[in-house]
Amino acid sequence: MSSSAHAGGVGNFDGPSTPTRQRSKKMGNRTRHRIVGVLIAIATILGAQRASRAEVTDLLRKLDLSAYPRSTKPPEFNSRTADGRAVSLVSLRGKVVLLNFWATWCKECLEEMPSFEQLHRKFAGQGLIILGINAREGTAAIQKFGKELDLTFPLLPDSKGEINAAYGVIGLPTTFFVGRDGRAVARGVGPRQWAGGPALALIQALLAEPAVLRDAQ
């Protein structure tokens, strides 16, 4: 009896499988599969982020935009649009924000505005916010300008030039991009072909980013 028990049993892990052992094995396999799936998903996301960064960097170069370090945060501001709506940068977190600094007397600003309107109509539903921040002009002049050009994106008076100064604007037009995660992406001084292929691709790449990047540092 004792010999038979020793040969067949308590310490013999190669013996016949019991239903409990089979269930445990299946559960273990499922757990391993889940872990592998999670690791693959993480690797895919990180790989996509790296690819997106490389794409954004290339598009910034094509548009001759100056990129900021990824940890750079843009100056916060609180203001009102020309038609009286409150707006702040912090309230737009999770959106891609394009800030365009302009004036009615600026010919190059005038030439850019139709392109910004096209971008607004094309991408607003996907999370793009365009804010036209005027430089030291009155609300009436801004509203007249917007009406003449049939602009539907928000125009902000900056009568004291405080927002312009906070962003270091020294020439018009000047355009800034802010990512969904709230970081400053890039700046461009002077006009660009905002309705062209590289600009459209840049906006699409920024819209494809998550609102919070895990390794934004």
N, C-alpha and C. Protein backbone atom coordinates (compact mmCIF):
# COMPACT_ATOMS: atom_id res chain seq x y z
N MET A 1 0.82 -1.19 0.00
CA MET A 1 0.00 0.00 0.00
C MET A 1 0.85 1.24 0.00
N SER A 2 1.88 1.28 0.88
CA SER A 2 2.69 2.47 0.96
C SER A 2 3.51 2.64 -0.30
N SER A 3 4.01 1.47 -0.85
CA SER A 3 4.80 1.54 -2.07
C SER A 3 3.94 2.03 -3.22
N SER A 4 2.71 1.52 -3.31
CA SER A 4 1.83 1.93 -4.39
C SER A 4 1.48 3.40 -4.28
N ALA A 5 1.25 3.88 -3.09
CA ALA A 5 0.93 5.29 -2.92
C ALA A 5 2.09 6.16 -3.33
N HIS A 6 3.32 5.74 -3.03
CA HIS A 6 4.50 6.53 -3.37
C HIS A 6 4.70 6.57 -4.89
N ALA A 7 4.46 5.42 -5.55
CA ALA A 7 4.72 5.34 -6.97
C ALA A 7 3.69 6.13 -7.78
N GLY A 8 2.42 6.07 -7.32
CA GLY A 8 1.39 6.65 -8.16
C GLY A 8 1.03 8.05 -7.79
N GLY A 9 1.62 8.51 -6.58
CA GLY A 9 0.87 9.61 -6.31
C GLY A 9 1.14 10.93 -5.80
N VAL A 10 1.21 11.29 -4.48
CA VAL A 10 1.06 12.64 -4.00
C VAL A 10 2.05 13.57 -4.66
N GLY A 11 3.27 13.12 -4.85
CA GLY A 11 4.28 14.00 -5.42
C GLY A 11 4.45 13.83 -6.91
N ASN A 12 3.57 13.12 -7.57
CA ASN A 12 3.74 12.82 -8.99
C ASN A 12 2.96 13.84 -9.81
N PHE A 13 3.66 14.86 -10.35
CA PHE A 13 3.00 15.92 -11.12
C PHE A 13 2.74 15.51 -12.56
N ASP A 14 3.16 14.32 -12.94
CA ASP A 14 2.93 13.86 -14.30
C ASP A 14 1.76 12.90 -14.37
N GLY A 15 1.02 12.79 -13.28
CA GLY A 15 -0.09 11.86 -13.24
C GLY A 15 -1.25 12.36 -14.05
N PRO A 16 -2.36 11.62 -14.07
CA PRO A 16 -3.54 11.99 -14.86
C PRO A 16 -4.07 13.37 -14.44
N SER A 17 -4.53 14.18 -15.39
CA SER A 17 -5.06 15.51 -15.10
C SER A 17 -6.44 15.39 -14.49
N THR A 18 -6.69 16.20 -13.48
CA THR A 18 -8.01 16.27 -12.88
C THR A 18 -8.77 17.42 -13.53
N PRO A 19 -10.12 17.46 -13.42
CA PRO A 19 -10.88 18.59 -13.98
C PRO A 19 -10.42 19.92 -13.43
N THR A 20 -10.08 19.98 -12.11
CA THR A 20 -9.63 21.24 -11.52
C THR A 20 -8.33 21.70 -12.14
N ARG A 21 -7.41 20.71 -12.34
CA ARG A 21 -6.12 21.06 -12.93
C ARG A 21 -6.28 21.54 -14.36
N GLN A 22 -7.20 20.93 -15.12
CA GLN A 22 -7.44 21.35 -16.50
C GLN A 22 -8.00 22.77 -16.56
N ARG A 23 -8.94 23.06 -15.64
CA ARG A 23 -9.49 24.40 -15.62
C ARG A 23 -8.41 25.43 -15.27
N SER A 24 -7.55 25.09 -14.31
CA SER A 24 -6.47 26.00 -13.92
C SER A 24 -5.53 26.26 -15.09
N LYS A 25 -5.26 25.19 -15.83
CA LYS A 25 -4.36 25.33 -16.97
C LYS A 25 -4.97 26.24 -18.03
N LYS A 26 -6.30 26.06 -18.29
CA LYS A 26 -6.97 26.91 -19.27
C LYS A 26 -6.98 28.36 -18.83
N MET A 27 -7.25 28.57 -17.52
CA MET A 27 -7.25 29.94 -17.00
C MET A 27 -5.87 30.57 -17.12
N GLY A 28 -4.83 29.76 -16.85
CA GLY A 28 -3.47 30.27 -16.97
C GLY A 28 -3.14 30.65 -18.40
N ASN A 29 -3.61 29.83 -19.35
CA ASN A 29 -3.36 30.15 -20.75
C ASN A 29 -4.08 31.42 -21.16
N ARG A 30 -5.33 31.58 -20.70
CA ARG A 30 -6.07 32.79 -21.02
C ARG A 30 -5.39 34.03 -20.44
N THR A 31 -4.88 33.89 -19.21
CA THR A 31 -4.19 35.02 -18.58
C THR A 31 -2.94 35.39 -19.36
N ARG A 32 -2.18 34.37 -19.77
CA ARG A 32 -0.98 34.65 -20.56
C ARG A 32 -1.33 35.32 -21.88
N HIS A 33 -2.41 34.84 -22.51
CA HIS A 33 -2.82 35.44 -23.78
C HIS A 33 -3.21 36.89 -23.60
N ARG A 34 -3.92 37.18 -22.48
CA ARG A 34 -4.31 38.56 -22.21
C ARG A 34 -3.09 39.45 -22.01
N ILE A 35 -2.11 38.94 -21.24
CA ILE A 35 -0.89 39.70 -20.98
C ILE A 35 -0.15 39.98 -22.28
N VAL A 36 -0.03 38.94 -23.12
CA VAL A 36 0.64 39.11 -24.40
C VAL A 36 -0.10 40.14 -25.25
N GLY A 37 -1.46 40.07 -25.23
CA GLY A 37 -2.26 41.02 -25.99
C GLY A 37 -2.05 42.45 -25.53
N VAL A 38 -1.99 42.64 -24.20
CA VAL A 38 -1.76 43.97 -23.64
C VAL A 38 -0.39 44.49 -24.05
N LEU A 39 0.62 43.63 -23.95
CA LEU A 39 1.98 44.04 -24.32
C LEU A 39 2.06 44.42 -25.79
N ILE A 40 1.39 43.66 -26.64
CA ILE A 40 1.39 43.96 -28.07
C ILE A 40 0.71 45.30 -28.31
N ALA A 41 -0.42 45.53 -27.61
CA ALA A 41 -1.15 46.79 -27.77
C ALA A 41 -0.28 47.97 -27.34
N ILE A 42 0.43 47.82 -26.20
CA ILE A 42 1.30 48.90 -25.72
C ILE A 42 2.41 49.18 -26.73
N ALA A 43 3.02 48.10 -27.24
CA ALA A 43 4.09 48.27 -28.22
C ALA A 43 3.57 48.95 -29.48
N THR A 44 2.35 48.59 -29.89
CA THR A 44 1.75 49.20 -31.08
C THR A 44 1.51 50.69 -30.87
N ILE A 45 0.98 51.04 -29.69
CA ILE A 45 0.70 52.45 -29.38
C ILE A 45 1.99 53.26 -29.35
N LEU A 46 3.02 52.72 -28.66
CA LEU A 46 4.29 53.45 -28.58
C LEU A 46 4.93 53.59 -29.95
N GLY A 47 4.82 52.54 -30.76
CA GLY A 47 5.37 52.60 -32.11
C GLY A 47 4.64 53.64 -32.95
N ALA A 48 3.30 53.70 -32.79
CA ALA A 48 2.51 54.69 -33.53
C ALA A 48 2.87 56.10 -33.09
N GLN A 49 3.11 56.29 -31.78
CA GLN A 49 3.49 57.61 -31.29
C GLN A 49 4.82 58.06 -31.87
N ARG A 50 5.78 57.12 -31.92
CA ARG A 50 7.09 57.46 -32.49
C ARG A 50 6.95 57.81 -33.97
N ALA A 51 6.12 57.02 -34.69
CA ALA A 51 5.91 57.30 -36.11
C ALA A 51 5.24 58.65 -36.29
N SER A 52 4.25 58.96 -35.42
CA SER A 52 3.56 60.24 -35.51
C SER A 52 4.52 61.39 -35.25
N ARG A 53 5.40 61.24 -34.27
CA ARG A 53 6.36 62.30 -33.97
C ARG A 53 7.28 62.55 -35.15
N ALA A 54 7.74 61.48 -35.76
CA ALA A 54 8.62 61.63 -36.91
C ALA A 54 7.89 62.33 -38.06
N GLU A 55 6.61 61.96 -38.25
CA GLU A 55 5.81 62.58 -39.31
C GLU A 55 5.61 64.06 -39.03
N VAL A 56 5.28 64.40 -37.78
CA VAL A 56 5.06 65.80 -37.42
C VAL A 56 6.34 66.60 -37.61
N THR A 57 7.47 66.05 -37.18
CA THR A 57 8.75 66.73 -37.33
C THR A 57 9.04 67.03 -38.80
N ASP A 58 8.77 66.05 -39.66
CA ASP A 58 9.02 66.23 -41.09
C ASP A 58 8.09 67.30 -41.68
N LEU A 59 6.83 67.31 -41.25
CA LEU A 59 5.88 68.28 -41.77
C LEU A 59 6.20 69.70 -41.28
N LEU A 60 6.65 69.81 -40.04
CA LEU A 60 7.07 71.13 -39.54
C LEU A 60 8.22 71.67 -40.37
N ARG A 61 9.12 70.79 -40.73
CA ARG A 61 10.26 71.22 -41.57
C ARG A 61 9.78 71.69 -42.94
N LYS A 62 8.84 70.96 -43.53
CA LYS A 62 8.34 71.33 -44.85
C LYS A 62 7.62 72.69 -44.82
N LEU A 63 6.97 72.99 -43.69
CA LEU A 63 6.26 74.26 -43.56
C LEU A 63 7.14 75.37 -42.98
N ASP A 64 8.40 75.04 -42.72
CA ASP A 64 9.34 76.01 -42.14
C ASP A 64 8.79 76.57 -40.83
N LEU A 65 8.30 75.68 -39.96
CA LEU A 65 7.81 76.06 -38.65
C LEU A 65 8.84 75.69 -37.59
N SER A 66 8.97 76.53 -36.58
CA SER A 66 9.93 76.29 -35.50
C SER A 66 9.27 75.42 -34.43
N ALA A 67 9.84 74.25 -34.19
CA ALA A 67 9.28 73.33 -33.21
C ALA A 67 9.74 73.69 -31.80
N TYR A 68 8.88 73.42 -30.83
CA TYR A 68 9.22 73.61 -29.42
C TYR A 68 9.60 72.27 -28.79
N PRO A 69 10.44 72.29 -27.75
CA PRO A 69 10.66 71.07 -26.98
C PRO A 69 9.32 70.53 -26.47
N ARG A 70 9.19 69.21 -26.35
CA ARG A 70 7.88 68.61 -26.04
C ARG A 70 7.34 69.02 -24.68
N SER A 71 8.17 69.48 -23.78
CA SER A 71 7.70 69.86 -22.45
C SER A 71 7.23 71.32 -22.39
N THR A 72 7.32 72.05 -23.51
CA THR A 72 6.96 73.47 -23.51
C THR A 72 5.45 73.65 -23.41
N LYS A 73 5.01 74.50 -22.50
CA LYS A 73 3.60 74.83 -22.35
C LYS A 73 3.36 76.26 -22.85
N PRO A 74 2.32 76.48 -23.62
CA PRO A 74 2.03 77.83 -24.12
C PRO A 74 1.46 78.70 -23.01
N PRO A 75 1.59 80.01 -23.10
CA PRO A 75 1.00 80.91 -22.10
C PRO A 75 -0.52 80.77 -22.06
N GLU A 76 -1.06 80.69 -20.86
CA GLU A 76 -2.52 80.64 -20.71
C GLU A 76 -3.10 82.04 -20.92
N PHE A 77 -4.34 82.08 -21.34
CA PHE A 77 -5.02 83.37 -21.46
C PHE A 77 -6.52 83.17 -21.32
N ASN A 78 -7.19 84.22 -20.88
CA ASN A 78 -8.65 84.27 -20.81
C ASN A 78 -9.09 85.50 -21.57
N SER A 79 -10.05 85.34 -22.45
CA SER A 79 -10.47 86.47 -23.26
C SER A 79 -11.93 86.28 -23.68
N ARG A 80 -12.38 87.16 -24.55
CA ARG A 80 -13.71 87.04 -25.14
C ARG A 80 -13.60 87.26 -26.64
N THR A 81 -14.44 86.58 -27.38
CA THR A 81 -14.45 86.75 -28.82
C THR A 81 -15.11 88.09 -29.15
N ALA A 82 -15.02 88.47 -30.41
CA ALA A 82 -15.59 89.75 -30.83
C ALA A 82 -17.11 89.78 -30.64
N ASP A 83 -17.74 88.59 -30.60
CA ASP A 83 -19.18 88.56 -30.36
C ASP A 83 -19.52 88.21 -28.91
N GLY A 84 -18.52 88.31 -28.01
CA GLY A 84 -18.80 88.25 -26.59
C GLY A 84 -18.70 86.90 -25.92
N ARG A 85 -18.27 85.86 -26.60
CA ARG A 85 -18.17 84.54 -25.99
C ARG A 85 -16.85 84.39 -25.23
N ALA A 86 -16.94 83.83 -24.02
CA ALA A 86 -15.73 83.62 -23.22
C ALA A 86 -14.90 82.49 -23.83
N VAL A 87 -13.58 82.65 -23.80
CA VAL A 87 -12.69 81.62 -24.30
C VAL A 87 -11.39 81.65 -23.51
N SER A 88 -10.86 80.49 -23.21
CA SER A 88 -9.57 80.37 -22.53
C SER A 88 -8.83 79.19 -23.11
N LEU A 89 -7.53 79.24 -23.02
CA LEU A 89 -6.74 78.14 -23.58
C LEU A 89 -6.96 76.86 -22.79
N VAL A 90 -7.05 76.96 -21.47
CA VAL A 90 -7.21 75.76 -20.65
C VAL A 90 -8.52 75.04 -20.96
N SER A 91 -9.54 75.79 -21.34
CA SER A 91 -10.83 75.18 -21.65
C SER A 91 -10.79 74.38 -22.94
N LEU A 92 -9.72 74.56 -23.73
CA LEU A 92 -9.60 73.88 -25.02
C LEU A 92 -8.70 72.66 -24.95
N ARG A 93 -8.30 72.27 -23.74
CA ARG A 93 -7.46 71.08 -23.57
C ARG A 93 -8.15 69.87 -24.18
N GLY A 94 -7.43 69.10 -24.91
CA GLY A 94 -8.00 67.96 -25.62
C GLY A 94 -8.29 68.27 -27.08
N LYS A 95 -8.16 69.55 -27.46
CA LYS A 95 -8.32 69.98 -28.85
C LYS A 95 -6.95 70.33 -29.44
N VAL A 96 -6.85 70.30 -30.75
CA VAL A 96 -5.70 70.89 -31.43
C VAL A 96 -6.06 72.36 -31.66
N VAL A 97 -5.22 73.27 -31.17
CA VAL A 97 -5.53 74.70 -31.23
C VAL A 97 -4.54 75.40 -32.17
N LEU A 98 -5.09 76.13 -33.10
CA LEU A 98 -4.29 76.97 -34.00
C LEU A 98 -4.56 78.42 -33.63
N LEU A 99 -3.54 79.12 -33.18
CA LEU A 99 -3.64 80.53 -32.82
C LEU A 99 -3.01 81.36 -33.92
N ASN A 100 -3.80 82.21 -34.54
CA ASN A 100 -3.27 83.08 -35.59
C ASN A 100 -3.37 84.53 -35.14
N PHE A 101 -2.23 85.20 -35.07
CA PHE A 101 -2.17 86.61 -34.68
C PHE A 101 -2.18 87.45 -35.95
N TRP A 102 -3.08 88.43 -36.01
CA TRP A 102 -3.33 89.14 -37.25
C TRP A 102 -3.81 90.57 -36.97
N ALA A 103 -3.96 91.34 -38.06
CA ALA A 103 -4.54 92.69 -37.98
C ALA A 103 -5.21 92.99 -39.31
N THR A 104 -6.18 93.89 -39.30
CA THR A 104 -6.92 94.20 -40.53
C THR A 104 -6.06 94.91 -41.56
N TRP A 105 -5.02 95.61 -41.09
CA TRP A 105 -4.16 96.35 -42.01
C TRP A 105 -3.07 95.48 -42.63
N CYS A 106 -2.97 94.23 -42.18
CA CYS A 106 -1.92 93.31 -42.63
C CYS A 106 -2.37 92.56 -43.88
N LYS A 107 -1.77 92.91 -45.02
CA LYS A 107 -2.16 92.30 -46.30
C LYS A 107 -1.97 90.79 -46.30
N GLU A 108 -0.84 90.33 -45.76
CA GLU A 108 -0.58 88.88 -45.73
C GLU A 108 -1.57 88.15 -44.82
N CYS A 109 -2.01 88.84 -43.75
CA CYS A 109 -3.03 88.24 -42.88
C CYS A 109 -4.33 88.05 -43.65
N LEU A 110 -4.69 89.07 -44.42
CA LEU A 110 -5.90 89.02 -45.24
C LEU A 110 -5.86 87.84 -46.20
N GLU A 111 -4.71 87.61 -46.80
CA GLU A 111 -4.57 86.53 -47.78
C GLU A 111 -4.68 85.15 -47.13
N GLU A 112 -4.29 85.05 -45.85
CA GLU A 112 -4.34 83.75 -45.17
C GLU A 112 -5.73 83.37 -44.68
N MET A 113 -6.56 84.36 -44.39
CA MET A 113 -7.82 84.10 -43.71
C MET A 113 -8.73 83.08 -44.42
N PRO A 114 -8.88 83.14 -45.75
CA PRO A 114 -9.72 82.13 -46.41
C PRO A 114 -9.23 80.71 -46.17
N SER A 115 -7.92 80.52 -46.10
CA SER A 115 -7.38 79.18 -45.83
C SER A 115 -7.74 78.72 -44.43
N PHE A 116 -7.65 79.62 -43.45
CA PHE A 116 -8.03 79.26 -42.10
C PHE A 116 -9.52 78.91 -42.02
N GLU A 117 -10.33 79.63 -42.78
CA GLU A 117 -11.76 79.31 -42.79
C GLU A 117 -12.00 77.93 -43.38
N GLN A 118 -11.26 77.58 -44.42
CA GLN A 118 -11.36 76.24 -45.00
C GLN A 118 -10.99 75.18 -43.98
N LEU A 119 -9.89 75.42 -43.26
CA LEU A 119 -9.45 74.46 -42.24
C LEU A 119 -10.50 74.32 -41.14
N HIS A 120 -11.06 75.45 -40.74
CA HIS A 120 -12.09 75.44 -39.70
C HIS A 120 -13.28 74.59 -40.13
N ARG A 121 -13.75 74.79 -41.33
CA ARG A 121 -14.93 74.06 -41.81
C ARG A 121 -14.63 72.58 -42.03
N LYS A 122 -13.40 72.28 -42.38
CA LYS A 122 -13.03 70.89 -42.66
C LYS A 122 -12.75 70.08 -41.39
N PHE A 123 -12.11 70.71 -40.40
CA PHE A 123 -11.61 69.94 -39.26
C PHE A 123 -12.23 70.28 -37.90
N ALA A 124 -13.09 71.27 -37.84
CA ALA A 124 -13.67 71.65 -36.54
C ALA A 124 -14.38 70.46 -35.89
N GLY A 125 -15.08 69.68 -36.68
CA GLY A 125 -15.79 68.53 -36.15
C GLY A 125 -14.88 67.43 -35.65
N GLN A 126 -13.60 67.47 -36.03
CA GLN A 126 -12.63 66.46 -35.61
C GLN A 126 -11.79 66.93 -34.42
N GLY A 127 -11.99 68.18 -33.99
CA GLY A 127 -11.26 68.65 -32.81
C GLY A 127 -10.29 69.79 -33.03
N LEU A 128 -10.33 70.42 -34.20
CA LEU A 128 -9.45 71.57 -34.45
C LEU A 128 -10.17 72.86 -34.04
N ILE A 129 -9.49 73.69 -33.27
CA ILE A 129 -10.00 75.00 -32.89
C ILE A 129 -9.06 76.06 -33.47
N ILE A 130 -9.61 76.97 -34.25
CA ILE A 130 -8.84 78.10 -34.78
C ILE A 130 -9.30 79.36 -34.09
N LEU A 131 -8.34 80.10 -33.53
CA LEU A 131 -8.62 81.38 -32.89
C LEU A 131 -7.80 82.46 -33.60
N GLY A 132 -8.48 83.46 -34.13
CA GLY A 132 -7.80 84.59 -34.75
C GLY A 132 -7.67 85.71 -33.73
N ILE A 133 -6.45 85.93 -33.24
CA ILE A 133 -6.22 86.92 -32.19
C ILE A 133 -5.72 88.22 -32.82
N ASN A 134 -6.57 89.23 -32.76
CA ASN A 134 -6.27 90.50 -33.39
C ASN A 134 -5.26 91.31 -32.56
N ALA A 135 -4.50 92.14 -33.24
CA ALA A 135 -3.47 92.94 -32.58
C ALA A 135 -3.93 94.39 -32.45
N ARG A 136 -4.43 94.74 -31.25
CA ARG A 136 -4.65 96.13 -30.83
C ARG A 136 -5.66 96.91 -31.70
N GLU A 137 -6.70 96.25 -32.17
CA GLU A 137 -7.74 96.95 -32.90
C GLU A 137 -9.08 96.79 -32.19
N GLY A 138 -10.03 97.66 -32.52
CA GLY A 138 -11.32 97.65 -31.86
C GLY A 138 -12.25 96.54 -32.33
N THR A 139 -13.24 96.25 -31.51
CA THR A 139 -14.18 95.17 -31.81
C THR A 139 -14.95 95.42 -33.09
N ALA A 140 -15.36 96.66 -33.32
CA ALA A 140 -16.13 96.99 -34.52
C ALA A 140 -15.35 96.68 -35.79
N ALA A 141 -14.07 97.04 -35.81
CA ALA A 141 -13.23 96.79 -36.99
C ALA A 141 -13.05 95.28 -37.21
N ILE A 142 -12.92 94.55 -36.12
CA ILE A 142 -12.74 93.09 -36.21
C ILE A 142 -14.01 92.44 -36.76
N GLN A 143 -15.16 92.85 -36.25
CA GLN A 143 -16.42 92.27 -36.70
C GLN A 143 -16.67 92.59 -38.18
N LYS A 144 -16.35 93.80 -38.60
CA LYS A 144 -16.51 94.17 -40.01
C LYS A 144 -15.62 93.32 -40.90
N PHE A 145 -14.37 93.13 -40.46
CA PHE A 145 -13.41 92.31 -41.20
C PHE A 145 -13.93 90.88 -41.35
N GLY A 146 -14.40 90.30 -40.23
CA GLY A 146 -14.89 88.93 -40.26
C GLY A 146 -16.11 88.77 -41.15
N LYS A 147 -16.99 89.77 -41.14
CA LYS A 147 -18.19 89.70 -41.96
C LYS A 147 -17.85 89.81 -43.44
N GLU A 148 -16.93 90.69 -43.78
CA GLU A 148 -16.55 90.87 -45.19
C GLU A 148 -15.95 89.59 -45.77
N LEU A 149 -15.22 88.85 -44.94
CA LEU A 149 -14.57 87.62 -45.43
C LEU A 149 -15.38 86.37 -45.13
N ASP A 150 -16.56 86.55 -44.52
CA ASP A 150 -17.44 85.42 -44.18
C ASP A 150 -16.71 84.41 -43.29
N LEU A 151 -16.03 84.91 -42.26
CA LEU A 151 -15.29 84.04 -41.34
C LEU A 151 -16.22 83.54 -40.24
N THR A 152 -16.15 82.26 -39.98
CA THR A 152 -17.01 81.67 -38.94
C THR A 152 -16.21 81.17 -37.74
N PHE A 153 -14.88 81.16 -37.81
CA PHE A 153 -14.09 80.77 -36.64
C PHE A 153 -13.95 81.99 -35.71
N PRO A 154 -13.69 81.78 -34.41
CA PRO A 154 -13.69 82.89 -33.45
C PRO A 154 -12.56 83.89 -33.69
N LEU A 155 -12.91 85.17 -33.59
CA LEU A 155 -11.94 86.27 -33.67
C LEU A 155 -11.90 86.94 -32.31
N LEU A 156 -10.68 87.12 -31.77
CA LEU A 156 -10.51 87.67 -30.43
C LEU A 156 -9.83 89.04 -30.47
N PRO A 157 -10.45 90.05 -29.90
CA PRO A 157 -9.75 91.33 -29.74
C PRO A 157 -8.66 91.20 -28.67
N ASP A 158 -7.53 91.83 -28.92
CA ASP A 158 -6.46 91.94 -27.92
C ASP A 158 -6.03 93.39 -27.90
N SER A 159 -6.95 94.25 -27.44
CA SER A 159 -6.78 95.70 -27.58
C SER A 159 -5.55 96.24 -26.87
N LYS A 160 -5.16 95.61 -25.76
CA LYS A 160 -3.97 96.05 -25.03
C LYS A 160 -2.71 95.29 -25.45
N GLY A 161 -2.87 94.33 -26.33
CA GLY A 161 -1.72 93.57 -26.81
C GLY A 161 -1.16 92.59 -25.80
N GLU A 162 -1.94 92.23 -24.78
CA GLU A 162 -1.42 91.37 -23.72
C GLU A 162 -1.15 89.95 -24.19
N ILE A 163 -2.06 89.39 -24.99
CA ILE A 163 -1.85 88.03 -25.49
C ILE A 163 -0.72 88.01 -26.50
N ASN A 164 -0.68 89.03 -27.36
CA ASN A 164 0.43 89.14 -28.31
C ASN A 164 1.77 89.17 -27.59
N ALA A 165 1.84 89.97 -26.51
CA ALA A 165 3.09 90.08 -25.75
C ALA A 165 3.44 88.76 -25.07
N ALA A 166 2.45 88.08 -24.51
CA ALA A 166 2.70 86.81 -23.81
C ALA A 166 3.29 85.77 -24.76
N TYR A 167 2.89 85.82 -26.03
CA TYR A 167 3.38 84.86 -27.02
C TYR A 167 4.60 85.38 -27.79
N GLY A 168 5.07 86.55 -27.42
CA GLY A 168 6.28 87.08 -28.06
C GLY A 168 6.10 87.42 -29.52
N VAL A 169 4.90 87.85 -29.89
CA VAL A 169 4.63 88.16 -31.29
C VAL A 169 5.27 89.50 -31.65
N ILE A 170 6.11 89.50 -32.66
CA ILE A 170 6.79 90.72 -33.10
C ILE A 170 6.52 91.02 -34.57
N GLY A 171 5.85 90.11 -35.26
CA GLY A 171 5.51 90.33 -36.67
C GLY A 171 4.22 89.63 -37.00
N LEU A 172 3.50 90.15 -37.98
CA LEU A 172 2.23 89.57 -38.39
C LEU A 172 2.30 89.14 -39.85
N PRO A 173 1.62 88.05 -40.17
CA PRO A 173 0.94 87.14 -39.26
C PRO A 173 1.91 86.22 -38.54
N THR A 174 1.51 85.75 -37.36
CA THR A 174 2.26 84.72 -36.63
C THR A 174 1.26 83.65 -36.20
N THR A 175 1.64 82.40 -36.37
CA THR A 175 0.74 81.29 -36.11
C THR A 175 1.39 80.28 -35.16
N PHE A 176 0.62 79.84 -34.17
CA PHE A 176 1.07 78.85 -33.20
C PHE A 176 0.16 77.62 -33.26
N PHE A 177 0.77 76.45 -33.02
CA PHE A 177 0.01 75.23 -32.88
C PHE A 177 0.15 74.70 -31.46
N VAL A 178 -0.96 74.27 -30.87
CA VAL A 178 -0.98 73.66 -29.54
C VAL A 178 -1.60 72.27 -29.70
N GLY A 179 -0.94 71.25 -29.15
CA GLY A 179 -1.41 69.88 -29.30
C GLY A 179 -2.57 69.55 -28.38
N ARG A 180 -3.17 68.39 -28.61
CA ARG A 180 -4.29 67.93 -27.77
C ARG A 180 -3.90 67.80 -26.31
N ASP A 181 -2.63 67.50 -26.06
CA ASP A 181 -2.15 67.32 -24.68
C ASP A 181 -1.78 68.65 -24.02
N GLY A 182 -2.00 69.77 -24.71
CA GLY A 182 -1.73 71.08 -24.13
C GLY A 182 -0.33 71.59 -24.34
N ARG A 183 0.51 70.86 -25.08
CA ARG A 183 1.88 71.31 -25.28
C ARG A 183 1.96 72.29 -26.45
N ALA A 184 2.95 73.18 -26.41
CA ALA A 184 3.23 74.04 -27.55
C ALA A 184 3.96 73.20 -28.60
N VAL A 185 3.43 73.17 -29.81
CA VAL A 185 4.00 72.33 -30.87
C VAL A 185 4.99 73.11 -31.72
N ALA A 186 4.54 74.24 -32.26
CA ALA A 186 5.40 74.97 -33.20
C ALA A 186 4.87 76.38 -33.42
N ARG A 187 5.75 77.20 -34.02
CA ARG A 187 5.42 78.59 -34.34
C ARG A 187 5.91 78.92 -35.74
N GLY A 188 5.13 79.75 -36.43
CA GLY A 188 5.54 80.22 -37.74
C GLY A 188 5.31 81.71 -37.87
N VAL A 189 6.32 82.45 -38.24
CA VAL A 189 6.20 83.89 -38.45
C VAL A 189 6.12 84.14 -39.95
N GLY A 190 5.09 84.87 -40.38
CA GLY A 190 4.90 85.10 -41.79
C GLY A 190 3.87 84.15 -42.38
N PRO A 191 3.45 84.40 -43.59
CA PRO A 191 2.39 83.58 -44.21
C PRO A 191 2.87 82.20 -44.61
N ARG A 192 1.92 81.28 -44.70
CA ARG A 192 2.18 79.91 -45.15
C ARG A 192 1.03 79.48 -46.06
N GLN A 193 1.25 78.39 -46.77
CA GLN A 193 0.19 77.81 -47.59
C GLN A 193 -0.64 76.86 -46.71
N TRP A 194 -1.55 77.45 -45.94
CA TRP A 194 -2.27 76.66 -44.94
C TRP A 194 -3.29 75.70 -45.55
N ALA A 195 -3.64 75.90 -46.80
CA ALA A 195 -4.57 74.98 -47.45
C ALA A 195 -3.83 73.91 -48.27
N GLY A 196 -2.50 73.95 -48.22
CA GLY A 196 -1.70 73.00 -48.99
C GLY A 196 -1.57 71.65 -48.32
N GLY A 197 -0.99 70.71 -49.04
CA GLY A 197 -0.85 69.34 -48.57
C GLY A 197 -0.11 69.19 -47.24
N PRO A 198 1.07 69.79 -47.07
CA PRO A 198 1.79 69.64 -45.81
C PRO A 198 1.01 70.17 -44.61
N ALA A 199 0.31 71.30 -44.77
CA ALA A 199 -0.47 71.85 -43.66
C ALA A 199 -1.63 70.94 -43.30
N LEU A 200 -2.32 70.42 -44.31
CA LEU A 200 -3.42 69.49 -44.05
C LEU A 200 -2.91 68.24 -43.36
N ALA A 201 -1.78 67.73 -43.83
CA ALA A 201 -1.21 66.52 -43.23
C ALA A 201 -0.78 66.77 -41.78
N LEU A 202 -0.22 67.96 -41.51
CA LEU A 202 0.19 68.30 -40.15
C LEU A 202 -1.01 68.32 -39.22
N ILE A 203 -2.07 68.96 -39.62
CA ILE A 203 -3.27 69.04 -38.79
C ILE A 203 -3.86 67.65 -38.55
N GLN A 204 -3.88 66.83 -39.58
CA GLN A 204 -4.40 65.47 -39.42
C GLN A 204 -3.53 64.65 -38.47
N ALA A 205 -2.21 64.84 -38.55
CA ALA A 205 -1.31 64.12 -37.64
C ALA A 205 -1.51 64.57 -36.20
N LEU A 206 -1.69 65.85 -35.98
CA LEU A 206 -1.92 66.37 -34.62
C LEU A 206 -3.28 65.92 -34.09
N LEU A 207 -4.28 65.88 -34.96
CA LEU A 207 -5.59 65.41 -34.54
C LEU A 207 -5.58 63.93 -34.18
N ALA A 208 -4.66 63.18 -34.77
CA ALA A 208 -4.57 61.74 -34.51
C ALA A 208 -3.90 61.43 -33.17
N GLU A 209 -3.25 62.42 -32.57
CA GLU A 209 -2.57 62.20 -31.29
C GLU A 209 -3.59 62.07 -30.16
N PRO A 210 -3.25 61.32 -29.12
CA PRO A 210 -4.13 61.25 -27.95
C PRO A 210 -4.10 62.56 -27.17
N ALA A 211 -5.13 62.79 -26.37
CA ALA A 211 -5.20 64.02 -25.59
C ALA A 211 -4.09 64.09 -24.55
N VAL A 212 -3.68 62.94 -24.02
CA VAL A 212 -2.60 62.88 -23.03
C VAL A 212 -1.58 61.87 -23.51
N LEU A 213 -0.39 62.34 -23.80
CA LEU A 213 0.69 61.45 -24.22
C LEU A 213 1.41 60.93 -22.99
N ARG A 214 1.55 59.61 -22.86
CA ARG A 214 2.10 59.00 -21.67
C ARG A 214 3.54 59.42 -21.41
N ASP A 215 4.30 59.61 -22.50
CA ASP A 215 5.72 59.96 -22.33
C ASP A 215 5.97 61.33 -22.91
N ALA A 216 5.10 62.30 -22.54
CA ALA A 216 5.21 63.65 -23.11
C ALA A 216 6.48 64.36 -22.70
N GLN A 217 7.18 63.83 -21.69
CA GLN A 217 8.44 64.45 -21.31
C GLN A 217 9.50 64.21 -22.37
